[in-house]
Full PDB file with SEQRES, HELIX, SHEET, SSBOND, CRYST1, ORIGX, SCALE, CONECT and MASTER records, all heavy atoms in Angstrom:
SEQRES   1 A   36  GLN TRP ASP ASP ALA ILE THR ARG ILE GLN ALA ILE LEU          
SEQRES   2 A   36  GLN MET GLN PRO VAL ASN ALA ARG LEU HIS GLY TYR LEU          
SEQRES   3 A   36  GLY ILE CYS TYR TYR LYS LYS ASN LYS PHE                      
HELIX    1 AA1 TRP A    2  MET A   15  1                                  14    
HELIX    2 AA2 ALA A   20  LYS A   32  1                                  13    
CRYST1    1.000    1.000    1.000  90.00  90.00  90.00 P 1           1          
ORIGX1      1.000000  0.000000  0.000000        0.00000                         
ORIGX2      0.000000  1.000000  0.000000        0.00000                         
ORIGX3      0.000000  0.000000  1.000000        0.00000                         
SCALE1      1.000000  0.000000  0.000000        0.00000                         
SCALE2      0.000000  1.000000  0.000000        0.00000                         
SCALE3      0.000000  0.000000  1.000000        0.00000                         
ATOM      1  N   GLN A   1       4.967  10.858   1.326  1.00  0.00           N  
ATOM      2  CA  GLN A   1       6.059   9.992   1.769  1.00  0.00           C  
ATOM      3  C   GLN A   1       5.698   8.552   1.400  1.00  0.00           C  
ATOM      4  O   GLN A   1       5.256   7.761   2.228  1.00  0.00           O  
ATOM      5  CB  GLN A   1       6.286  10.158   3.272  1.00  0.00           C  
ATOM      6  CG  GLN A   1       6.729  11.565   3.622  1.00  0.00           C  
ATOM      7  CD  GLN A   1       6.847  11.789   5.115  1.00  0.00           C  
ATOM      8  OE1 GLN A   1       6.365  11.002   5.918  1.00  0.00           O  
ATOM      9  NE2 GLN A   1       7.490  12.880   5.485  1.00  0.00           N  
ATOM     10  N   TRP A   2       5.899   8.261   0.136  1.00  0.00           N  
ATOM     11  CA  TRP A   2       5.412   7.016  -0.442  1.00  0.00           C  
ATOM     12  C   TRP A   2       6.074   5.782   0.146  1.00  0.00           C  
ATOM     13  O   TRP A   2       5.395   4.775   0.393  1.00  0.00           O  
ATOM     14  CB  TRP A   2       5.542   7.055  -1.965  1.00  0.00           C  
ATOM     15  CG  TRP A   2       4.875   8.266  -2.526  1.00  0.00           C  
ATOM     16  CD1 TRP A   2       5.469   9.305  -3.186  1.00  0.00           C  
ATOM     17  CD2 TRP A   2       3.485   8.605  -2.425  1.00  0.00           C  
ATOM     18  NE1 TRP A   2       4.531  10.258  -3.512  1.00  0.00           N  
ATOM     19  CE2 TRP A   2       3.300   9.858  -3.052  1.00  0.00           C  
ATOM     20  CE3 TRP A   2       2.379   7.993  -1.859  1.00  0.00           C  
ATOM     21  CZ2 TRP A   2       2.065  10.489  -3.136  1.00  0.00           C  
ATOM     22  CZ3 TRP A   2       1.132   8.615  -1.943  1.00  0.00           C  
ATOM     23  CH2 TRP A   2       0.997   9.855  -2.580  1.00  0.00           C  
ATOM     24  N   ASP A   3       7.381   5.825   0.379  1.00  0.00           N  
ATOM     25  CA  ASP A   3       8.065   4.654   0.930  1.00  0.00           C  
ATOM     26  C   ASP A   3       7.555   4.339   2.336  1.00  0.00           C  
ATOM     27  O   ASP A   3       7.325   3.178   2.676  1.00  0.00           O  
ATOM     28  CB  ASP A   3       9.579   4.866   0.954  1.00  0.00           C  
ATOM     29  CG  ASP A   3      10.189   4.865  -0.436  1.00  0.00           C  
ATOM     30  OD1 ASP A   3       9.698   4.107  -1.298  1.00  0.00           O  
ATOM     31  OD2 ASP A   3      11.140   5.629  -0.664  1.00  0.00           O  
ATOM     32  N   ASP A   4       7.383   5.362   3.146  1.00  0.00           N  
ATOM     33  CA  ASP A   4       6.856   5.175   4.498  1.00  0.00           C  
ATOM     34  C   ASP A   4       5.430   4.638   4.446  1.00  0.00           C  
ATOM     35  O   ASP A   4       5.073   3.722   5.192  1.00  0.00           O  
ATOM     36  CB  ASP A   4       6.902   6.500   5.270  1.00  0.00           C  
ATOM     37  CG  ASP A   4       6.523   6.333   6.725  1.00  0.00           C  
ATOM     38  OD1 ASP A   4       6.976   5.361   7.360  1.00  0.00           O  
ATOM     39  OD2 ASP A   4       5.759   7.181   7.236  1.00  0.00           O  
ATOM     40  N   ALA A   5       4.631   5.179   3.550  1.00  0.00           N  
ATOM     41  CA  ALA A   5       3.246   4.722   3.410  1.00  0.00           C  
ATOM     42  C   ALA A   5       3.202   3.261   2.966  1.00  0.00           C  
ATOM     43  O   ALA A   5       2.400   2.478   3.488  1.00  0.00           O  
ATOM     44  CB  ALA A   5       2.500   5.609   2.416  1.00  0.00           C  
ATOM     45  N   ILE A   6       4.070   2.882   2.043  1.00  0.00           N  
ATOM     46  CA  ILE A   6       4.119   1.497   1.579  1.00  0.00           C  
ATOM     47  C   ILE A   6       4.434   0.562   2.745  1.00  0.00           C  
ATOM     48  O   ILE A   6       3.762  -0.458   2.936  1.00  0.00           O  
ATOM     49  CB  ILE A   6       5.147   1.326   0.433  1.00  0.00           C  
ATOM     50  CG1 ILE A   6       4.619   1.994  -0.847  1.00  0.00           C  
ATOM     51  CG2 ILE A   6       5.482  -0.145   0.199  1.00  0.00           C  
ATOM     52  CD1 ILE A   6       5.654   2.124  -1.948  1.00  0.00           C  
ATOM     53  N   THR A   7       5.419   0.921   3.545  1.00  0.00           N  
ATOM     54  CA  THR A   7       5.800   0.099   4.695  1.00  0.00           C  
ATOM     55  C   THR A   7       4.644  -0.054   5.666  1.00  0.00           C  
ATOM     56  O   THR A   7       4.340  -1.158   6.129  1.00  0.00           O  
ATOM     57  CB  THR A   7       7.016   0.720   5.412  1.00  0.00           C  
ATOM     58  OG1 THR A   7       8.104   0.801   4.488  1.00  0.00           O  
ATOM     59  CG2 THR A   7       7.433  -0.104   6.612  1.00  0.00           C  
ATOM     60  N   ARG A   8       3.969   1.040   5.962  1.00  0.00           N  
ATOM     61  CA  ARG A   8       2.852   1.001   6.920  1.00  0.00           C  
ATOM     62  C   ARG A   8       1.666   0.201   6.382  1.00  0.00           C  
ATOM     63  O   ARG A   8       1.050  -0.574   7.100  1.00  0.00           O  
ATOM     64  CB  ARG A   8       2.423   2.414   7.269  1.00  0.00           C  
ATOM     65  CG  ARG A   8       3.452   3.149   8.101  1.00  0.00           C  
ATOM     66  CD  ARG A   8       3.091   4.612   8.276  1.00  0.00           C  
ATOM     67  NE  ARG A   8       4.140   5.327   8.931  1.00  0.00           N  
ATOM     68  CZ  ARG A   8       4.042   5.820  10.167  1.00  0.00           C  
ATOM     69  NH1 ARG A   8       2.936   5.646  10.856  1.00  0.00           N  
ATOM     70  NH2 ARG A   8       5.044   6.480  10.686  1.00  0.00           N  
ATOM     71  N   ILE A   9       1.341   0.413   5.123  1.00  0.00           N  
ATOM     72  CA  ILE A   9       0.209  -0.312   4.525  1.00  0.00           C  
ATOM     73  C   ILE A   9       0.499  -1.806   4.474  1.00  0.00           C  
ATOM     74  O   ILE A   9      -0.364  -2.633   4.781  1.00  0.00           O  
ATOM     75  CB  ILE A   9      -0.123   0.249   3.131  1.00  0.00           C  
ATOM     76  CG1 ILE A   9      -0.645   1.684   3.253  1.00  0.00           C  
ATOM     77  CG2 ILE A   9      -1.151  -0.637   2.421  1.00  0.00           C  
ATOM     78  CD1 ILE A   9      -0.707   2.431   1.939  1.00  0.00           C  
ATOM     79  N   GLN A  10       1.727  -2.166   4.113  1.00  0.00           N  
ATOM     80  CA  GLN A  10       2.088  -3.586   4.061  1.00  0.00           C  
ATOM     81  C   GLN A  10       1.972  -4.224   5.446  1.00  0.00           C  
ATOM     82  O   GLN A  10       1.538  -5.372   5.566  1.00  0.00           O  
ATOM     83  CB  GLN A  10       3.498  -3.766   3.502  1.00  0.00           C  
ATOM     84  CG  GLN A  10       3.574  -3.518   2.020  1.00  0.00           C  
ATOM     85  CD  GLN A  10       4.992  -3.542   1.483  1.00  0.00           C  
ATOM     86  OE1 GLN A  10       5.948  -3.242   2.198  1.00  0.00           O  
ATOM     87  NE2 GLN A  10       5.132  -3.883   0.212  1.00  0.00           N  
ATOM     88  N   ALA A  11       2.325  -3.484   6.487  1.00  0.00           N  
ATOM     89  CA  ALA A  11       2.203  -4.009   7.854  1.00  0.00           C  
ATOM     90  C   ALA A  11       0.737  -4.250   8.213  1.00  0.00           C  
ATOM     91  O   ALA A  11       0.401  -5.285   8.802  1.00  0.00           O  
ATOM     92  CB  ALA A  11       2.844  -3.036   8.838  1.00  0.00           C  
ATOM     93  N   ILE A  12      -0.124  -3.340   7.835  1.00  0.00           N  
ATOM     94  CA  ILE A  12      -1.548  -3.495   8.128  1.00  0.00           C  
ATOM     95  C   ILE A  12      -2.137  -4.637   7.298  1.00  0.00           C  
ATOM     96  O   ILE A  12      -2.979  -5.393   7.778  1.00  0.00           O  
ATOM     97  CB  ILE A  12      -2.304  -2.176   7.890  1.00  0.00           C  
ATOM     98  CG1 ILE A  12      -1.794  -1.098   8.832  1.00  0.00           C  
ATOM     99  CG2 ILE A  12      -3.805  -2.380   8.097  1.00  0.00           C  
ATOM    100  CD1 ILE A  12      -2.285   0.302   8.506  1.00  0.00           C  
ATOM    101  N   LEU A  13      -1.663  -4.774   6.059  1.00  0.00           N  
ATOM    102  CA  LEU A  13      -2.148  -5.856   5.204  1.00  0.00           C  
ATOM    103  C   LEU A  13      -1.798  -7.235   5.768  1.00  0.00           C  
ATOM    104  O   LEU A  13      -2.479  -8.210   5.465  1.00  0.00           O  
ATOM    105  CB  LEU A  13      -1.601  -5.725   3.786  1.00  0.00           C  
ATOM    106  CG  LEU A  13      -2.396  -4.827   2.854  1.00  0.00           C  
ATOM    107  CD1 LEU A  13      -1.629  -4.559   1.566  1.00  0.00           C  
ATOM    108  CD2 LEU A  13      -3.758  -5.417   2.558  1.00  0.00           C  
ATOM    109  N   GLN A  14      -0.759  -7.319   6.588  1.00  0.00           N  
ATOM    110  CA  GLN A  14      -0.435  -8.591   7.244  1.00  0.00           C  
ATOM    111  C   GLN A  14      -1.585  -9.035   8.138  1.00  0.00           C  
ATOM    112  O   GLN A  14      -1.854 -10.222   8.272  1.00  0.00           O  
ATOM    113  CB  GLN A  14       0.839  -8.454   8.086  1.00  0.00           C  
ATOM    114  CG  GLN A  14       2.090  -8.225   7.282  1.00  0.00           C  
ATOM    115  CD  GLN A  14       2.470  -9.432   6.454  1.00  0.00           C  
ATOM    116  OE1 GLN A  14       2.343 -10.562   6.899  1.00  0.00           O  
ATOM    117  NE2 GLN A  14       2.932  -9.195   5.235  1.00  0.00           N  
ATOM    118  N   MET A  15      -2.290  -8.064   8.729  1.00  0.00           N  
ATOM    119  CA  MET A  15      -3.407  -8.365   9.622  1.00  0.00           C  
ATOM    120  C   MET A  15      -4.744  -8.410   8.886  1.00  0.00           C  
ATOM    121  O   MET A  15      -5.679  -9.050   9.341  1.00  0.00           O  
ATOM    122  CB  MET A  15      -3.476  -7.321  10.738  1.00  0.00           C  
ATOM    123  CG  MET A  15      -2.265  -7.326  11.644  1.00  0.00           C  
ATOM    124  SD  MET A  15      -2.336  -6.044  12.888  1.00  0.00           S  
ATOM    125  CE  MET A  15      -1.901  -4.600  11.921  1.00  0.00           C  
ATOM    126  N   GLN A  16      -4.832  -7.701   7.744  1.00  0.00           N  
ATOM    127  CA  GLN A  16      -6.071  -7.609   6.988  1.00  0.00           C  
ATOM    128  C   GLN A  16      -5.809  -7.863   5.501  1.00  0.00           C  
ATOM    129  O   GLN A  16      -5.965  -6.963   4.679  1.00  0.00           O  
ATOM    130  CB  GLN A  16      -6.692  -6.221   7.153  1.00  0.00           C  
ATOM    131  CG  GLN A  16      -7.014  -5.830   8.564  1.00  0.00           C  
ATOM    132  CD  GLN A  16      -7.554  -4.405   8.632  1.00  0.00           C  
ATOM    133  OE1 GLN A  16      -8.235  -3.943   7.735  1.00  0.00           O  
ATOM    134  NE2 GLN A  16      -7.227  -3.716   9.705  1.00  0.00           N  
ATOM    135  N   PRO A  17      -5.421  -9.074   5.140  1.00  0.00           N  
ATOM    136  CA  PRO A  17      -5.004  -9.328   3.755  1.00  0.00           C  
ATOM    137  C   PRO A  17      -6.115  -9.231   2.710  1.00  0.00           C  
ATOM    138  O   PRO A  17      -5.821  -9.138   1.522  1.00  0.00           O  
ATOM    139  CB  PRO A  17      -4.430 -10.747   3.814  1.00  0.00           C  
ATOM    140  CG  PRO A  17      -5.095 -11.370   4.988  1.00  0.00           C  
ATOM    141  CD  PRO A  17      -5.322 -10.252   5.975  1.00  0.00           C  
ATOM    142  N   VAL A  18      -7.366  -9.237   3.126  1.00  0.00           N  
ATOM    143  CA  VAL A  18      -8.457  -9.156   2.154  1.00  0.00           C  
ATOM    144  C   VAL A  18      -9.147  -7.787   2.184  1.00  0.00           C  
ATOM    145  O   VAL A  18     -10.284  -7.652   1.756  1.00  0.00           O  
ATOM    146  CB  VAL A  18      -9.488 -10.298   2.351  1.00  0.00           C  
ATOM    147  CG1 VAL A  18      -8.851 -11.635   2.043  1.00  0.00           C  
ATOM    148  CG2 VAL A  18     -10.072 -10.278   3.744  1.00  0.00           C  
ATOM    149  N   ASN A  19      -8.456  -6.781   2.642  1.00  0.00           N  
ATOM    150  CA  ASN A  19      -8.990  -5.428   2.685  1.00  0.00           C  
ATOM    151  C   ASN A  19      -8.712  -4.750   1.333  1.00  0.00           C  
ATOM    152  O   ASN A  19      -7.582  -4.360   1.036  1.00  0.00           O  
ATOM    153  CB  ASN A  19      -8.352  -4.643   3.831  1.00  0.00           C  
ATOM    154  CG  ASN A  19      -8.973  -3.286   4.030  1.00  0.00           C  
ATOM    155  OD1 ASN A  19      -9.263  -2.579   3.079  1.00  0.00           O  
ATOM    156  ND2 ASN A  19      -9.153  -2.913   5.285  1.00  0.00           N  
ATOM    157  N   ALA A  20      -9.743  -4.626   0.525  1.00  0.00           N  
ATOM    158  CA  ALA A  20      -9.598  -4.073  -0.824  1.00  0.00           C  
ATOM    159  C   ALA A  20      -9.077  -2.640  -0.796  1.00  0.00           C  
ATOM    160  O   ALA A  20      -8.258  -2.256  -1.639  1.00  0.00           O  
ATOM    161  CB  ALA A  20     -10.928  -4.131  -1.561  1.00  0.00           C  
ATOM    162  N   ARG A  21      -9.541  -1.847   0.154  1.00  0.00           N  
ATOM    163  CA  ARG A  21      -9.107  -0.444   0.228  1.00  0.00           C  
ATOM    164  C   ARG A  21      -7.610  -0.338   0.478  1.00  0.00           C  
ATOM    165  O   ARG A  21      -6.930   0.513  -0.104  1.00  0.00           O  
ATOM    166  CB  ARG A  21      -9.881   0.310   1.310  1.00  0.00           C  
ATOM    167  CG  ARG A  21     -11.343   0.437   1.011  1.00  0.00           C  
ATOM    168  CD  ARG A  21     -11.596   1.490  -0.021  1.00  0.00           C  
ATOM    169  NE  ARG A  21     -12.972   1.393  -0.508  1.00  0.00           N  
ATOM    170  CZ  ARG A  21     -13.458   2.117  -1.476  1.00  0.00           C  
ATOM    171  NH1 ARG A  21     -12.711   2.994  -2.082  1.00  0.00           N  
ATOM    172  NH2 ARG A  21     -14.693   1.961  -1.863  1.00  0.00           N  
ATOM    173  N   LEU A  22      -7.090  -1.202   1.345  1.00  0.00           N  
ATOM    174  CA  LEU A  22      -5.648  -1.177   1.612  1.00  0.00           C  
ATOM    175  C   LEU A  22      -4.849  -1.533   0.364  1.00  0.00           C  
ATOM    176  O   LEU A  22      -3.823  -0.909   0.082  1.00  0.00           O  
ATOM    177  CB  LEU A  22      -5.295  -2.129   2.752  1.00  0.00           C  
ATOM    178  CG  LEU A  22      -5.749  -1.693   4.142  1.00  0.00           C  
ATOM    179  CD1 LEU A  22      -5.452  -2.773   5.171  1.00  0.00           C  
ATOM    180  CD2 LEU A  22      -5.085  -0.379   4.546  1.00  0.00           C  
ATOM    181  N   HIS A  23      -5.324  -2.500  -0.394  1.00  0.00           N  
ATOM    182  CA  HIS A  23      -4.645  -2.836  -1.650  1.00  0.00           C  
ATOM    183  C   HIS A  23      -4.712  -1.651  -2.619  1.00  0.00           C  
ATOM    184  O   HIS A  23      -3.748  -1.366  -3.324  1.00  0.00           O  
ATOM    185  CB  HIS A  23      -5.256  -4.082  -2.288  1.00  0.00           C  
ATOM    186  CG  HIS A  23      -4.869  -5.342  -1.589  1.00  0.00           C  
ATOM    187  ND1 HIS A  23      -3.618  -5.903  -1.697  1.00  0.00           N  
ATOM    188  CD2 HIS A  23      -5.583  -6.146  -0.759  1.00  0.00           C  
ATOM    189  CE1 HIS A  23      -3.567  -7.007  -0.970  1.00  0.00           C  
ATOM    190  NE2 HIS A  23      -4.748  -7.180  -0.390  1.00  0.00           N  
ATOM    191  N   GLY A  24      -5.835  -0.947  -2.611  1.00  0.00           N  
ATOM    192  CA  GLY A  24      -5.965   0.241  -3.447  1.00  0.00           C  
ATOM    193  C   GLY A  24      -4.993   1.335  -3.031  1.00  0.00           C  
ATOM    194  O   GLY A  24      -4.343   1.965  -3.875  1.00  0.00           O  
ATOM    195  N   TYR A  25      -4.879   1.553  -1.725  1.00  0.00           N  
ATOM    196  CA  TYR A  25      -3.931   2.568  -1.231  1.00  0.00           C  
ATOM    197  C   TYR A  25      -2.494   2.191  -1.575  1.00  0.00           C  
ATOM    198  O   TYR A  25      -1.687   3.045  -1.969  1.00  0.00           O  
ATOM    199  CB  TYR A  25      -4.054   2.743   0.280  1.00  0.00           C  
ATOM    200  CG  TYR A  25      -5.356   3.344   0.738  1.00  0.00           C  
ATOM    201  CD1 TYR A  25      -5.925   2.963   1.948  1.00  0.00           C  
ATOM    202  CD2 TYR A  25      -6.031   4.290  -0.014  1.00  0.00           C  
ATOM    203  CE1 TYR A  25      -7.117   3.506   2.391  1.00  0.00           C  
ATOM    204  CE2 TYR A  25      -7.226   4.837   0.415  1.00  0.00           C  
ATOM    205  CZ  TYR A  25      -7.765   4.445   1.623  1.00  0.00           C  
ATOM    206  OH  TYR A  25      -8.937   4.981   2.057  1.00  0.00           O  
ATOM    207  N   LEU A  26      -2.185   0.909  -1.443  1.00  0.00           N  
ATOM    208  CA  LEU A  26      -0.837   0.452  -1.788  1.00  0.00           C  
ATOM    209  C   LEU A  26      -0.583   0.657  -3.284  1.00  0.00           C  
ATOM    210  O   LEU A  26       0.498   1.097  -3.684  1.00  0.00           O  
ATOM    211  CB  LEU A  26      -0.675  -1.012  -1.394  1.00  0.00           C  
ATOM    212  CG  LEU A  26       0.710  -1.621  -1.504  1.00  0.00           C  
ATOM    213  CD1 LEU A  26       1.741  -0.811  -0.735  1.00  0.00           C  
ATOM    214  CD2 LEU A  26       0.687  -3.062  -1.000  1.00  0.00           C  
ATOM    215  N   GLY A  27      -1.595   0.379  -4.084  1.00  0.00           N  
ATOM    216  CA  GLY A  27      -1.475   0.617  -5.518  1.00  0.00           C  
ATOM    217  C   GLY A  27      -1.202   2.076  -5.843  1.00  0.00           C  
ATOM    218  O   GLY A  27      -0.378   2.396  -6.702  1.00  0.00           O  
ATOM    219  N   ILE A  28      -1.876   2.970  -5.135  1.00  0.00           N  
ATOM    220  CA  ILE A  28      -1.651   4.408  -5.343  1.00  0.00           C  
ATOM    221  C   ILE A  28      -0.210   4.776  -5.024  1.00  0.00           C  
ATOM    222  O   ILE A  28       0.426   5.532  -5.766  1.00  0.00           O  
ATOM    223  CB  ILE A  28      -2.629   5.246  -4.499  1.00  0.00           C  
ATOM    224  CG1 ILE A  28      -4.046   5.101  -5.055  1.00  0.00           C  
ATOM    225  CG2 ILE A  28      -2.204   6.714  -4.442  1.00  0.00           C  
ATOM    226  CD1 ILE A  28      -5.132   5.671  -4.156  1.00  0.00           C  
ATOM    227  N   CYS A  29       0.308   4.241  -3.922  1.00  0.00           N  
ATOM    228  CA  CYS A  29       1.697   4.535  -3.554  1.00  0.00           C  
ATOM    229  C   CYS A  29       2.664   4.076  -4.637  1.00  0.00           C  
ATOM    230  O   CYS A  29       3.574   4.814  -5.024  1.00  0.00           O  
ATOM    231  CB  CYS A  29       2.041   3.873  -2.225  1.00  0.00           C  
ATOM    232  SG  CYS A  29       1.159   4.538  -0.808  1.00  0.00           S  
ATOM    233  N   TYR A  30       2.465   2.860  -5.126  1.00  0.00           N  
ATOM    234  CA  TYR A  30       3.333   2.359  -6.191  1.00  0.00           C  
ATOM    235  C   TYR A  30       3.175   3.192  -7.465  1.00  0.00           C  
ATOM    236  O   TYR A  30       4.158   3.493  -8.144  1.00  0.00           O  
ATOM    237  CB  TYR A  30       3.030   0.894  -6.501  1.00  0.00           C  
ATOM    238  CG  TYR A  30       3.535  -0.079  -5.456  1.00  0.00           C  
ATOM    239  CD1 TYR A  30       2.716  -1.100  -4.981  1.00  0.00           C  
ATOM    240  CD2 TYR A  30       4.839  -0.003  -4.966  1.00  0.00           C  
ATOM    241  CE1 TYR A  30       3.173  -2.004  -4.043  1.00  0.00           C  
ATOM    242  CE2 TYR A  30       5.300  -0.892  -4.021  1.00  0.00           C  
ATOM    243  CZ  TYR A  30       4.467  -1.893  -3.566  1.00  0.00           C  
ATOM    244  OH  TYR A  30       4.928  -2.791  -2.639  1.00  0.00           O  
ATOM    245  N   TYR A  31       1.954   3.581  -7.764  1.00  0.00           N  
ATOM    246  CA  TYR A  31       1.702   4.397  -8.952  1.00  0.00           C  
ATOM    247  C   TYR A  31       2.470   5.720  -8.857  1.00  0.00           C  
ATOM    248  O   TYR A  31       3.101   6.159  -9.819  1.00  0.00           O  
ATOM    249  CB  TYR A  31       0.205   4.648  -9.104  1.00  0.00           C  
ATOM    250  CG  TYR A  31      -0.174   5.301 -10.402  1.00  0.00           C  
ATOM    251  CD1 TYR A  31      -0.476   4.533 -11.518  1.00  0.00           C  
ATOM    252  CD2 TYR A  31      -0.236   6.682 -10.527  1.00  0.00           C  
ATOM    253  CE1 TYR A  31      -0.822   5.132 -12.725  1.00  0.00           C  
ATOM    254  CE2 TYR A  31      -0.577   7.288 -11.711  1.00  0.00           C  
ATOM    255  CZ  TYR A  31      -0.869   6.509 -12.812  1.00  0.00           C  
ATOM    256  OH  TYR A  31      -1.204   7.117 -13.995  1.00  0.00           O  
ATOM    257  N   LYS A  32       2.410   6.335  -7.687  1.00  0.00           N  
ATOM    258  CA  LYS A  32       3.110   7.617  -7.491  1.00  0.00           C  
ATOM    259  C   LYS A  32       4.617   7.465  -7.621  1.00  0.00           C  
ATOM    260  O   LYS A  32       5.308   8.415  -7.957  1.00  0.00           O  
ATOM    261  CB  LYS A  32       2.761   8.214  -6.131  1.00  0.00           C  
ATOM    262  CG  LYS A  32       1.318   8.641  -6.005  1.00  0.00           C  
ATOM    263  CD  LYS A  32       1.035   9.843  -6.863  1.00  0.00           C  
ATOM    264  CE  LYS A  32      -0.344  10.395  -6.592  1.00  0.00           C  
ATOM    265  NZ  LYS A  32      -0.598  11.623  -7.320  1.00  0.00           N  
ATOM    266  N   LYS A  33       5.134   6.272  -7.342  1.00  0.00           N  
ATOM    267  CA  LYS A  33       6.570   6.012  -7.473  1.00  0.00           C  
ATOM    268  C   LYS A  33       6.929   5.484  -8.861  1.00  0.00           C  
ATOM    269  O   LYS A  33       8.059   5.071  -9.089  1.00  0.00           O  
ATOM    270  CB  LYS A  33       7.016   5.013  -6.407  1.00  0.00           C  
ATOM    271  CG  LYS A  33       6.991   5.581  -5.001  1.00  0.00           C  
ATOM    272  CD  LYS A  33       7.439   4.580  -3.963  1.00  0.00           C  
ATOM    273  CE  LYS A  33       8.789   4.009  -4.200  1.00  0.00           C  
ATOM    274  NZ  LYS A  33       9.937   4.844  -3.931  1.00  0.00           N  
ATOM    275  N   ASN A  34       5.944   5.503  -9.789  1.00  0.00           N  
ATOM    276  CA  ASN A  34       6.145   5.019 -11.159  1.00  0.00           C  
ATOM    277  C   ASN A  34       6.482   3.532 -11.211  1.00  0.00           C  
ATOM    278  O   ASN A  34       7.152   3.070 -12.143  1.00  0.00           O  
ATOM    279  CB  ASN A  34       7.217   5.834 -11.895  1.00  0.00           C  
ATOM    280  CG  ASN A  34       6.798   7.267 -12.074  1.00  0.00           C  
ATOM    281  OD1 ASN A  34       5.633   7.560 -12.307  1.00  0.00           O  
ATOM    282  ND2 ASN A  34       7.739   8.188 -11.933  1.00  0.00           N  
ATOM    283  N   LYS A  35       6.005   2.790 -10.243  1.00  0.00           N  
ATOM    284  CA  LYS A  35       6.153   1.334 -10.232  1.00  0.00           C  
ATOM    285  C   LYS A  35       4.826   0.751 -10.706  1.00  0.00           C  
ATOM    286  O   LYS A  35       4.030   0.247  -9.926  1.00  0.00           O  
ATOM    287  CB  LYS A  35       6.518   0.836  -8.838  1.00  0.00           C  
ATOM    288  CG  LYS A  35       7.882   1.282  -8.372  1.00  0.00           C  
ATOM    289  CD  LYS A  35       8.215   0.688  -7.026  1.00  0.00           C  
ATOM    290  CE  LYS A  35       9.651   1.018  -6.657  1.00  0.00           C  
ATOM    291  NZ  LYS A  35      10.037   0.346  -5.405  1.00  0.00           N  
ATOM    292  N   PHE A  36       4.606   0.851 -12.005  1.00  0.00           N  
ATOM    293  CA  PHE A  36       3.296   0.550 -12.566  1.00  0.00           C  
ATOM    294  C   PHE A  36       2.944  -0.937 -12.544  1.00  0.00           C  
ATOM    295  O   PHE A  36       1.772  -1.278 -12.426  1.00  0.00           O  
ATOM    296  CB  PHE A  36       3.185   1.143 -13.969  1.00  0.00           C  
ATOM    297  CG  PHE A  36       3.401   2.621 -13.986  1.00  0.00           C  
ATOM    298  CD1 PHE A  36       4.491   3.174 -14.631  1.00  0.00           C  
ATOM    299  CD2 PHE A  36       2.536   3.471 -13.303  1.00  0.00           C  
ATOM    300  CE1 PHE A  36       4.699   4.550 -14.624  1.00  0.00           C  
ATOM    301  CE2 PHE A  36       2.736   4.838 -13.289  1.00  0.00           C  
ATOM    302  CZ  PHE A  36       3.820   5.381 -13.957  1.00  0.00           C  
TER     303      PHE A  36                                                      
MASTER        0    0    0    2    0    0    0    6  302    1    0    3          
END                                                                             
């Protein structure tokens, strides 16, 4: 559920903007949606 995951990760990134793993997870979600 990529759209839901994107929304949740973005919310967490508001609190932890320098968390590399979260940016990686967000990248995976976009990749799966072909938003390269």
